[in-house]
Amino acid sequence: MTEDEPTPPDRRDVSDDKERSRILEEVLRDQARREVLRDVIYRRPSASLGTRIAAVVLALAAFALWALPLPGLRPHIPFPIAAEDEEEGLRLATFVQAQQVEAFRQSAGRLPDVLRETGEPLPGIDYERLDAHTYRLSGATERTRISWLSSDSIPALLGDSGMARLRQISR
């Protein structure tokens, strides 16, 4: 090469420019790809118009069936216990509750103010303290209601069939 000829541009400079352009292009592509992925990740799914309409129609149909039930769709389920057995069970439950109250009276030396003091009360049994020595237990179901005063006898509470059943249980 002679001194008169201009020096060619440095090949290294050209390759650096191409390299920079390629790297910049790669970075921009990566940023665009990440933006798309971020949009996909954070996108909240939205229901289409058809889905929304179907949901409203189904909700209205369910409300209509609830508010105006069709007679054929509601089954009639008979009460599972006969009336006599229900009354006998209520009498036995009252007897058990009376035994809890009496056990409390013996241990505490007084009648309980509320039935929960004797332990977990049986469902359907109500307790009323009348004075320092007398209380009333009342039991109620949908069809039967009984009331027993502590001054009454236990056989009067249980009846003949209840006493027989109690003897069977205690054997």
N, C-alpha and C. Protein backbone atom coordinates (compact mmCIF):
# COMPACT_ATOMS: atom_id res chain seq x y z
N MET A 1 0.84 -1.16 0.00
CA MET A 1 0.00 0.00 0.00
C MET A 1 0.88 1.23 0.00
N THR A 2 0.45 2.13 -0.72
CA THR A 2 1.21 3.37 -0.83
C THR A 2 0.59 4.40 0.08
N GLU A 3 1.36 5.43 0.29
CA GLU A 3 0.90 6.45 1.18
C GLU A 3 -0.18 7.30 0.57
N ASP A 4 -0.28 7.32 -0.74
CA ASP A 4 -1.27 8.15 -1.41
C ASP A 4 -2.66 7.57 -1.29
N GLU A 5 -2.72 6.30 -1.17
CA GLU A 5 -4.05 5.67 -1.10
C GLU A 5 -4.63 5.91 0.28
N PRO A 6 -5.91 6.20 0.26
CA PRO A 6 -6.54 6.38 1.57
C PRO A 6 -6.61 5.05 2.30
N THR A 7 -6.54 5.13 3.57
CA THR A 7 -6.60 3.89 4.33
C THR A 7 -8.04 3.39 4.35
N PRO A 8 -8.17 2.14 4.09
CA PRO A 8 -9.54 1.61 4.09
C PRO A 8 -10.11 1.65 5.52
N PRO A 9 -11.39 1.76 5.58
CA PRO A 9 -11.99 1.77 6.91
C PRO A 9 -11.62 0.47 7.64
N ASP A 10 -11.41 0.62 8.87
CA ASP A 10 -10.96 -0.53 9.66
C ASP A 10 -12.05 -1.58 9.66
N ARG A 11 -11.65 -2.76 9.25
CA ARG A 11 -12.64 -3.85 9.20
C ARG A 11 -13.17 -4.13 10.60
N ARG A 12 -12.35 -3.90 11.53
CA ARG A 12 -12.78 -4.14 12.89
C ARG A 12 -13.91 -3.18 13.27
N ASP A 13 -13.85 -1.94 12.83
CA ASP A 13 -14.90 -0.97 13.09
C ASP A 13 -16.20 -1.41 12.44
N VAL A 14 -16.14 -1.92 11.24
CA VAL A 14 -17.34 -2.36 10.52
C VAL A 14 -17.95 -3.55 11.24
N SER A 15 -17.14 -4.48 11.60
CA SER A 15 -17.69 -5.65 12.26
C SER A 15 -18.26 -5.27 13.62
N ASP A 16 -17.67 -4.30 14.29
CA ASP A 16 -18.23 -3.84 15.57
C ASP A 16 -19.59 -3.19 15.36
N ASP A 17 -19.74 -2.42 14.31
CA ASP A 17 -21.04 -1.80 14.01
C ASP A 17 -22.09 -2.87 13.72
N LYS A 18 -21.72 -3.85 12.92
CA LYS A 18 -22.67 -4.94 12.63
C LYS A 18 -22.99 -5.73 13.89
N GLU A 19 -21.94 -5.95 14.66
CA GLU A 19 -22.13 -6.70 15.90
C GLU A 19 -23.05 -5.93 16.84
N ARG A 20 -22.83 -4.61 16.96
CA ARG A 20 -23.70 -3.79 17.81
C ARG A 20 -25.14 -3.81 17.30
N SER A 21 -25.31 -3.71 16.01
CA SER A 21 -26.66 -3.73 15.42
C SER A 21 -27.35 -5.07 15.69
N ARG A 22 -26.58 -6.13 15.51
CA ARG A 22 -27.14 -7.46 15.75
C ARG A 22 -27.53 -7.63 17.22
N ILE A 23 -26.68 -7.19 18.14
CA ILE A 23 -26.97 -7.30 19.58
C ILE A 23 -28.17 -6.44 19.94
N LEU A 24 -28.20 -5.22 19.39
CA LEU A 24 -29.33 -4.32 19.67
C LEU A 24 -30.64 -4.93 19.15
N GLU A 25 -30.57 -5.49 17.96
CA GLU A 25 -31.76 -6.13 17.38
C GLU A 25 -32.20 -7.31 18.24
N GLU A 26 -31.25 -8.08 18.72
CA GLU A 26 -31.56 -9.22 19.57
C GLU A 26 -32.19 -8.77 20.90
N VAL A 27 -31.67 -7.70 21.49
CA VAL A 27 -32.22 -7.17 22.74
C VAL A 27 -33.64 -6.68 22.52
N LEU A 28 -33.86 -5.95 21.42
CA LEU A 28 -35.21 -5.44 21.13
C LEU A 28 -36.20 -6.58 20.91
N ARG A 29 -35.75 -7.62 20.20
CA ARG A 29 -36.61 -8.79 19.98
C ARG A 29 -36.94 -9.46 21.32
N ASP A 30 -35.95 -9.58 22.19
CA ASP A 30 -36.15 -10.20 23.50
C ASP A 30 -37.13 -9.37 24.34
N GLN A 31 -37.00 -8.05 24.28
CA GLN A 31 -37.93 -7.19 25.02
C GLN A 31 -39.35 -7.33 24.50
N ALA A 32 -39.50 -7.40 23.20
CA ALA A 32 -40.83 -7.56 22.61
C ALA A 32 -41.42 -8.91 23.02
N ARG A 33 -40.58 -9.97 23.01
CA ARG A 33 -41.05 -11.30 23.41
C ARG A 33 -41.47 -11.30 24.88
N ARG A 34 -40.69 -10.66 25.73
CA ARG A 34 -41.04 -10.59 27.15
C ARG A 34 -42.33 -9.80 27.36
N GLU A 35 -42.53 -8.76 26.61
CA GLU A 35 -43.77 -7.97 26.73
C GLU A 35 -44.98 -8.81 26.36
N VAL A 36 -44.85 -9.59 25.30
CA VAL A 36 -45.96 -10.46 24.90
C VAL A 36 -46.23 -11.50 25.99
N LEU A 37 -45.16 -12.10 26.52
CA LEU A 37 -45.35 -13.09 27.59
C LEU A 37 -45.97 -12.45 28.83
N ARG A 38 -45.56 -11.24 29.18
CA ARG A 38 -46.12 -10.56 30.34
C ARG A 38 -47.60 -10.29 30.12
N ASP A 39 -47.96 -9.90 28.93
CA ASP A 39 -49.38 -9.67 28.63
C ASP A 39 -50.18 -10.96 28.75
N VAL A 40 -49.60 -12.06 28.30
CA VAL A 40 -50.30 -13.34 28.38
C VAL A 40 -50.46 -13.77 29.84
N ILE A 41 -49.41 -13.58 30.64
CA ILE A 41 -49.46 -14.01 32.04
C ILE A 41 -50.45 -13.18 32.83
N TYR A 42 -50.45 -11.89 32.66
CA TYR A 42 -51.29 -11.01 33.47
C TYR A 42 -52.66 -10.73 32.85
N ARG A 43 -52.95 -11.34 31.75
CA ARG A 43 -54.24 -11.13 31.12
C ARG A 43 -55.32 -11.81 31.93
N ARG A 44 -56.35 -11.10 32.24
CA ARG A 44 -57.48 -11.68 32.98
C ARG A 44 -58.47 -12.24 31.98
N PRO A 45 -58.85 -13.49 32.22
CA PRO A 45 -59.82 -14.05 31.27
C PRO A 45 -61.18 -13.35 31.42
N SER A 46 -61.76 -13.06 30.33
CA SER A 46 -63.08 -12.44 30.37
C SER A 46 -64.04 -13.35 29.61
N ALA A 47 -65.22 -13.45 30.17
CA ALA A 47 -66.22 -14.31 29.56
C ALA A 47 -66.77 -13.66 28.30
N SER A 48 -67.07 -14.48 27.36
CA SER A 48 -67.64 -13.96 26.12
C SER A 48 -69.10 -13.56 26.37
N LEU A 49 -69.66 -12.86 25.43
CA LEU A 49 -71.04 -12.40 25.56
C LEU A 49 -71.99 -13.59 25.67
N GLY A 50 -71.74 -14.64 24.91
CA GLY A 50 -72.59 -15.82 24.96
C GLY A 50 -72.55 -16.50 26.32
N THR A 51 -71.37 -16.55 26.91
CA THR A 51 -71.23 -17.16 28.24
C THR A 51 -71.97 -16.33 29.28
N ARG A 52 -71.86 -15.04 29.19
CA ARG A 52 -72.55 -14.17 30.14
C ARG A 52 -74.06 -14.31 30.02
N ILE A 53 -74.56 -14.37 28.80
CA ILE A 53 -76.01 -14.51 28.59
C ILE A 53 -76.48 -15.86 29.14
N ALA A 54 -75.71 -16.92 28.88
CA ALA A 54 -76.08 -18.25 29.38
C ALA A 54 -76.11 -18.25 30.91
N ALA A 55 -75.15 -17.59 31.54
CA ALA A 55 -75.12 -17.53 33.00
C ALA A 55 -76.34 -16.80 33.56
N VAL A 56 -76.72 -15.71 32.93
CA VAL A 56 -77.89 -14.96 33.39
C VAL A 56 -79.17 -15.79 33.21
N VAL A 57 -79.30 -16.46 32.07
CA VAL A 57 -80.49 -17.28 31.82
C VAL A 57 -80.58 -18.42 32.83
N LEU A 58 -79.46 -19.09 33.11
CA LEU A 58 -79.46 -20.18 34.09
C LEU A 58 -79.77 -19.68 35.50
N ALA A 59 -79.25 -18.51 35.85
CA ALA A 59 -79.54 -17.95 37.17
C ALA A 59 -81.02 -17.61 37.30
N LEU A 60 -81.61 -17.05 36.26
CA LEU A 60 -83.04 -16.73 36.28
C LEU A 60 -83.89 -18.01 36.36
N ALA A 61 -83.48 -19.04 35.65
CA ALA A 61 -84.21 -20.31 35.69
C ALA A 61 -84.13 -20.93 37.09
N ALA A 62 -82.95 -20.89 37.71
CA ALA A 62 -82.80 -21.43 39.06
C ALA A 62 -83.63 -20.64 40.06
N PHE A 63 -83.65 -19.32 39.93
CA PHE A 63 -84.46 -18.50 40.82
C PHE A 63 -85.95 -18.80 40.63
N ALA A 64 -86.38 -18.99 39.38
CA ALA A 64 -87.79 -19.29 39.12
C ALA A 64 -88.18 -20.64 39.72
N LEU A 65 -87.30 -21.64 39.61
CA LEU A 65 -87.61 -22.94 40.20
C LEU A 65 -87.62 -22.88 41.72
N TRP A 66 -86.79 -22.02 42.29
CA TRP A 66 -86.78 -21.87 43.75
C TRP A 66 -88.02 -21.14 44.22
N ALA A 67 -88.38 -20.06 43.54
CA ALA A 67 -89.51 -19.24 43.97
C ALA A 67 -90.85 -19.90 43.65
N LEU A 68 -90.95 -20.56 42.52
CA LEU A 68 -92.20 -21.20 42.08
C LEU A 68 -91.93 -22.68 41.82
N PRO A 69 -91.80 -23.50 42.87
CA PRO A 69 -91.46 -24.91 42.65
C PRO A 69 -92.57 -25.66 41.93
N LEU A 70 -92.18 -26.54 41.07
CA LEU A 70 -93.14 -27.38 40.37
C LEU A 70 -93.54 -28.53 41.29
N PRO A 71 -94.84 -28.84 41.36
CA PRO A 71 -95.29 -29.88 42.30
C PRO A 71 -94.64 -31.24 42.06
N GLY A 72 -94.38 -31.60 40.85
CA GLY A 72 -93.80 -32.91 40.55
C GLY A 72 -92.33 -33.01 40.89
N LEU A 73 -91.65 -31.87 41.03
CA LEU A 73 -90.22 -31.90 41.32
C LEU A 73 -89.91 -31.99 42.81
N ARG A 74 -90.86 -31.72 43.66
CA ARG A 74 -90.61 -31.76 45.11
C ARG A 74 -91.14 -33.09 45.66
N PRO A 75 -90.25 -33.97 46.11
CA PRO A 75 -90.71 -35.27 46.60
C PRO A 75 -91.35 -35.14 47.98
N HIS A 76 -92.30 -36.02 48.22
CA HIS A 76 -92.92 -36.08 49.54
C HIS A 76 -92.22 -37.17 50.33
N ILE A 77 -91.57 -36.79 51.40
CA ILE A 77 -90.84 -37.75 52.22
C ILE A 77 -91.62 -37.92 53.52
N PRO A 78 -92.11 -39.11 53.79
CA PRO A 78 -92.88 -39.31 55.02
C PRO A 78 -91.99 -39.18 56.25
N PHE A 79 -92.61 -38.81 57.35
CA PHE A 79 -91.88 -38.68 58.61
C PHE A 79 -91.34 -40.04 59.00
N PRO A 80 -90.07 -40.15 59.38
CA PRO A 80 -89.47 -41.47 59.56
C PRO A 80 -89.86 -42.20 60.84
N ILE A 81 -90.46 -41.51 61.81
CA ILE A 81 -90.77 -42.16 63.08
C ILE A 81 -92.28 -42.13 63.31
N ALA A 82 -92.81 -43.22 63.79
CA ALA A 82 -94.23 -43.27 64.12
C ALA A 82 -94.49 -42.37 65.32
N ALA A 83 -95.70 -41.86 65.43
CA ALA A 83 -96.05 -40.90 66.49
C ALA A 83 -95.84 -41.50 67.88
N GLU A 84 -96.19 -42.78 68.06
CA GLU A 84 -96.03 -43.42 69.37
C GLU A 84 -94.55 -43.53 69.75
N ASP A 85 -93.72 -43.92 68.78
CA ASP A 85 -92.28 -44.04 69.04
C ASP A 85 -91.66 -42.67 69.29
N GLU A 86 -92.17 -41.67 68.61
CA GLU A 86 -91.66 -40.32 68.80
C GLU A 86 -91.94 -39.83 70.23
N GLU A 87 -93.16 -40.07 70.70
CA GLU A 87 -93.51 -39.65 72.06
C GLU A 87 -92.69 -40.44 73.09
N GLU A 88 -92.52 -41.72 72.87
CA GLU A 88 -91.74 -42.54 73.79
C GLU A 88 -90.28 -42.08 73.83
N GLY A 89 -89.72 -41.76 72.68
CA GLY A 89 -88.35 -41.25 72.61
C GLY A 89 -88.21 -39.93 73.33
N LEU A 90 -89.22 -39.07 73.17
CA LEU A 90 -89.20 -37.77 73.86
C LEU A 90 -89.26 -37.96 75.37
N ARG A 91 -90.06 -38.91 75.82
CA ARG A 91 -90.15 -39.20 77.26
C ARG A 91 -88.82 -39.75 77.78
N LEU A 92 -88.17 -40.63 77.03
CA LEU A 92 -86.88 -41.16 77.45
C LEU A 92 -85.82 -40.04 77.47
N ALA A 93 -85.85 -39.15 76.50
CA ALA A 93 -84.91 -38.03 76.49
C ALA A 93 -85.13 -37.12 77.69
N THR A 94 -86.40 -36.89 78.05
CA THR A 94 -86.71 -36.08 79.23
C THR A 94 -86.22 -36.78 80.49
N PHE A 95 -86.38 -38.10 80.54
CA PHE A 95 -85.88 -38.87 81.68
C PHE A 95 -84.36 -38.72 81.82
N VAL A 96 -83.64 -38.86 80.71
CA VAL A 96 -82.18 -38.72 80.75
C VAL A 96 -81.80 -37.33 81.21
N GLN A 97 -82.51 -36.32 80.72
CA GLN A 97 -82.22 -34.95 81.13
C GLN A 97 -82.51 -34.77 82.62
N ALA A 98 -83.58 -35.37 83.12
CA ALA A 98 -83.91 -35.29 84.55
C ALA A 98 -82.82 -35.95 85.37
N GLN A 99 -82.25 -37.06 84.89
CA GLN A 99 -81.16 -37.71 85.60
C GLN A 99 -79.93 -36.82 85.67
N GLN A 100 -79.66 -36.07 84.60
CA GLN A 100 -78.53 -35.13 84.61
C GLN A 100 -78.76 -34.00 85.62
N VAL A 101 -80.00 -33.51 85.68
CA VAL A 101 -80.32 -32.44 86.62
C VAL A 101 -80.18 -32.95 88.05
N GLU A 102 -80.67 -34.15 88.32
CA GLU A 102 -80.58 -34.72 89.67
C GLU A 102 -79.13 -34.99 90.06
N ALA A 103 -78.31 -35.43 89.13
CA ALA A 103 -76.89 -35.65 89.42
C ALA A 103 -76.21 -34.32 89.75
N PHE A 104 -76.60 -33.26 89.03
CA PHE A 104 -76.06 -31.94 89.33
C PHE A 104 -76.50 -31.48 90.72
N ARG A 105 -77.78 -31.73 91.05
CA ARG A 105 -78.30 -31.32 92.36
C ARG A 105 -77.53 -32.02 93.48
N GLN A 106 -77.23 -33.30 93.31
CA GLN A 106 -76.50 -34.03 94.34
C GLN A 106 -75.06 -33.54 94.48
N SER A 107 -74.41 -33.23 93.35
CA SER A 107 -73.01 -32.81 93.44
C SER A 107 -72.86 -31.35 93.85
N ALA A 108 -73.75 -30.46 93.39
CA ALA A 108 -73.61 -29.03 93.67
C ALA A 108 -74.44 -28.59 94.88
N GLY A 109 -75.43 -29.38 95.26
CA GLY A 109 -76.27 -29.02 96.39
C GLY A 109 -77.35 -28.01 96.04
N ARG A 110 -77.57 -27.79 94.77
CA ARG A 110 -78.59 -26.85 94.31
C ARG A 110 -79.05 -27.25 92.91
N LEU A 111 -80.16 -26.64 92.49
CA LEU A 111 -80.63 -26.87 91.12
C LEU A 111 -79.84 -25.95 90.17
N PRO A 112 -79.62 -26.38 88.96
CA PRO A 112 -78.92 -25.51 88.01
C PRO A 112 -79.79 -24.32 87.61
N ASP A 113 -79.14 -23.21 87.33
CA ASP A 113 -79.88 -22.04 86.85
C ASP A 113 -80.30 -22.23 85.39
N VAL A 114 -79.39 -22.79 84.62
CA VAL A 114 -79.69 -23.11 83.22
C VAL A 114 -79.30 -24.56 82.97
N LEU A 115 -79.88 -25.14 81.98
CA LEU A 115 -79.68 -26.57 81.71
C LEU A 115 -78.25 -26.88 81.30
N ARG A 116 -77.56 -25.95 80.70
CA ARG A 116 -76.20 -26.18 80.24
C ARG A 116 -75.25 -26.47 81.40
N GLU A 117 -75.59 -26.07 82.60
CA GLU A 117 -74.74 -26.36 83.77
C GLU A 117 -74.64 -27.86 84.02
N THR A 118 -75.61 -28.63 83.58
CA THR A 118 -75.60 -30.07 83.82
C THR A 118 -74.80 -30.81 82.76
N GLY A 119 -74.38 -30.16 81.75
CA GLY A 119 -73.69 -30.78 80.62
C GLY A 119 -74.39 -30.36 79.34
N GLU A 120 -74.12 -31.07 78.29
CA GLU A 120 -74.75 -30.74 77.00
C GLU A 120 -76.23 -31.09 77.04
N PRO A 121 -77.12 -30.09 76.88
CA PRO A 121 -78.56 -30.39 76.91
C PRO A 121 -78.99 -31.18 75.67
N LEU A 122 -79.98 -32.00 75.86
CA LEU A 122 -80.51 -32.77 74.74
C LEU A 122 -81.39 -31.87 73.87
N PRO A 123 -81.37 -32.06 72.56
CA PRO A 123 -82.18 -31.22 71.68
C PRO A 123 -83.68 -31.43 71.92
N GLY A 124 -84.40 -30.34 71.92
CA GLY A 124 -85.85 -30.40 72.09
C GLY A 124 -86.31 -30.39 73.52
N ILE A 125 -85.40 -30.39 74.48
CA ILE A 125 -85.76 -30.40 75.90
C ILE A 125 -85.48 -29.01 76.49
N ASP A 126 -86.50 -28.44 77.15
CA ASP A 126 -86.36 -27.14 77.81
C ASP A 126 -86.44 -27.33 79.31
N TYR A 127 -85.71 -26.47 80.03
CA TYR A 127 -85.63 -26.55 81.49
C TYR A 127 -86.12 -25.23 82.08
N GLU A 128 -86.93 -25.33 83.13
CA GLU A 128 -87.41 -24.14 83.83
C GLU A 128 -87.31 -24.40 85.32
N ARG A 129 -86.55 -23.58 86.00
CA ARG A 129 -86.43 -23.69 87.45
C ARG A 129 -87.57 -22.92 88.08
N LEU A 130 -88.44 -23.61 88.82
CA LEU A 130 -89.61 -22.97 89.40
C LEU A 130 -89.32 -22.38 90.78
N ASP A 131 -88.63 -23.12 91.61
CA ASP A 131 -88.17 -22.61 92.92
C ASP A 131 -86.90 -23.36 93.28
N ALA A 132 -86.47 -23.27 94.52
CA ALA A 132 -85.20 -23.88 94.93
C ALA A 132 -85.23 -25.40 94.89
N HIS A 133 -86.44 -26.01 94.86
CA HIS A 133 -86.54 -27.47 94.93
C HIS A 133 -87.25 -28.09 93.74
N THR A 134 -87.90 -27.29 92.92
CA THR A 134 -88.74 -27.83 91.84
C THR A 134 -88.32 -27.24 90.50
N TYR A 135 -88.40 -28.08 89.50
CA TYR A 135 -88.10 -27.64 88.13
C TYR A 135 -89.06 -28.35 87.17
N ARG A 136 -89.15 -27.80 85.97
CA ARG A 136 -90.00 -28.38 84.93
C ARG A 136 -89.14 -28.67 83.72
N LEU A 137 -89.31 -29.84 83.15
CA LEU A 137 -88.69 -30.20 81.88
C LEU A 137 -89.80 -30.33 80.84
N SER A 138 -89.61 -29.68 79.72
CA SER A 138 -90.60 -29.74 78.63
C SER A 138 -89.88 -30.23 77.39
N GLY A 139 -90.56 -31.09 76.69
CA GLY A 139 -90.02 -31.60 75.44
C GLY A 139 -91.01 -31.38 74.33
N ALA A 140 -90.50 -31.06 73.16
CA ALA A 140 -91.42 -30.80 72.05
C ALA A 140 -90.79 -31.27 70.74
N THR A 141 -91.63 -31.84 69.91
CA THR A 141 -91.28 -32.15 68.53
C THR A 141 -92.37 -31.53 67.67
N GLU A 142 -92.36 -31.84 66.41
CA GLU A 142 -93.38 -31.28 65.51
C GLU A 142 -94.78 -31.78 65.87
N ARG A 143 -94.88 -33.03 66.34
CA ARG A 143 -96.20 -33.62 66.60
C ARG A 143 -96.51 -33.83 68.07
N THR A 144 -95.51 -33.82 68.94
CA THR A 144 -95.72 -34.21 70.34
C THR A 144 -95.14 -33.15 71.26
N ARG A 145 -95.81 -32.98 72.40
CA ARG A 145 -95.32 -32.07 73.43
C ARG A 145 -95.60 -32.71 74.79
N ILE A 146 -94.57 -32.74 75.64
CA ILE A 146 -94.76 -33.26 76.99
C ILE A 146 -94.16 -32.27 77.99
N SER A 147 -94.66 -32.33 79.20
CA SER A 147 -94.15 -31.50 80.28
C SER A 147 -94.10 -32.35 81.53
N TRP A 148 -93.03 -32.22 82.32
CA TRP A 148 -92.85 -33.02 83.52
C TRP A 148 -92.31 -32.15 84.64
N LEU A 149 -92.96 -32.20 85.78
CA LEU A 149 -92.50 -31.50 86.98
C LEU A 149 -91.66 -32.46 87.81
N SER A 150 -90.64 -31.93 88.46
CA SER A 150 -89.77 -32.79 89.27
C SER A 150 -90.51 -33.38 90.47
N SER A 151 -91.63 -32.80 90.84
CA SER A 151 -92.42 -33.36 91.94
C SER A 151 -93.25 -34.56 91.48
N ASP A 152 -93.39 -34.77 90.16
CA ASP A 152 -94.10 -35.94 89.63
C ASP A 152 -93.18 -37.16 89.70
N SER A 153 -93.77 -38.33 89.51
CA SER A 153 -92.98 -39.56 89.59
C SER A 153 -92.34 -39.87 88.24
N ILE A 154 -91.26 -40.65 88.29
CA ILE A 154 -90.58 -41.08 87.07
C ILE A 154 -91.47 -42.01 86.25
N PRO A 155 -92.18 -42.98 86.86
CA PRO A 155 -93.08 -43.82 86.04
C PRO A 155 -94.15 -43.00 85.33
N ALA A 156 -94.58 -41.90 85.94
CA ALA A 156 -95.57 -41.04 85.27
C ALA A 156 -94.95 -40.40 84.04
N LEU A 157 -93.67 -40.10 84.13
CA LEU A 157 -92.97 -39.51 82.98
C LEU A 157 -92.79 -40.53 81.87
N LEU A 158 -92.33 -41.70 82.22
CA LEU A 158 -92.00 -42.69 81.19
C LEU A 158 -93.21 -43.44 80.66
N GLY A 159 -94.21 -43.71 81.49
CA GLY A 159 -95.34 -44.52 81.05
C GLY A 159 -94.94 -45.99 81.05
N ASP A 160 -95.90 -46.86 80.77
CA ASP A 160 -95.63 -48.30 80.82
C ASP A 160 -94.63 -48.74 79.75
N SER A 161 -94.82 -48.28 78.54
CA SER A 161 -93.92 -48.71 77.46
C SER A 161 -92.51 -48.15 77.68
N GLY A 162 -92.41 -46.94 78.21
CA GLY A 162 -91.10 -46.37 78.49
C GLY A 162 -90.37 -47.11 79.59
N MET A 163 -91.11 -47.52 80.63
CA MET A 163 -90.49 -48.29 81.71
C MET A 163 -90.00 -49.64 81.18
N ALA A 164 -90.80 -50.27 80.31
CA ALA A 164 -90.38 -51.54 79.72
C ALA A 164 -89.14 -51.34 78.87
N ARG A 165 -89.12 -50.29 78.10
CA ARG A 165 -87.96 -50.00 77.25
C ARG A 165 -86.74 -49.70 78.11
N LEU A 166 -86.93 -48.96 79.22
CA LEU A 166 -85.83 -48.65 80.12
C LEU A 166 -85.26 -49.91 80.76
N ARG A 167 -86.14 -50.85 81.08
CA ARG A 167 -85.66 -52.13 81.64
C ARG A 167 -84.85 -52.89 80.61
N GLN A 168 -85.26 -52.83 79.33
CA GLN A 168 -84.51 -53.50 78.27
C GLN A 168 -83.12 -52.87 78.11
N ILE A 169 -83.07 -51.57 78.18
CA ILE A 169 -81.81 -50.86 78.00
C ILE A 169 -80.86 -51.14 79.15
N SER A 170 -81.37 -51.17 80.36
CA SER A 170 -80.53 -51.31 81.54
C SER A 170 -80.01 -52.74 81.76
N ARG A 171 -80.52 -53.71 81.04
CA ARG A 171 -80.04 -55.09 81.21
C ARG A 171 -78.67 -55.28 80.72
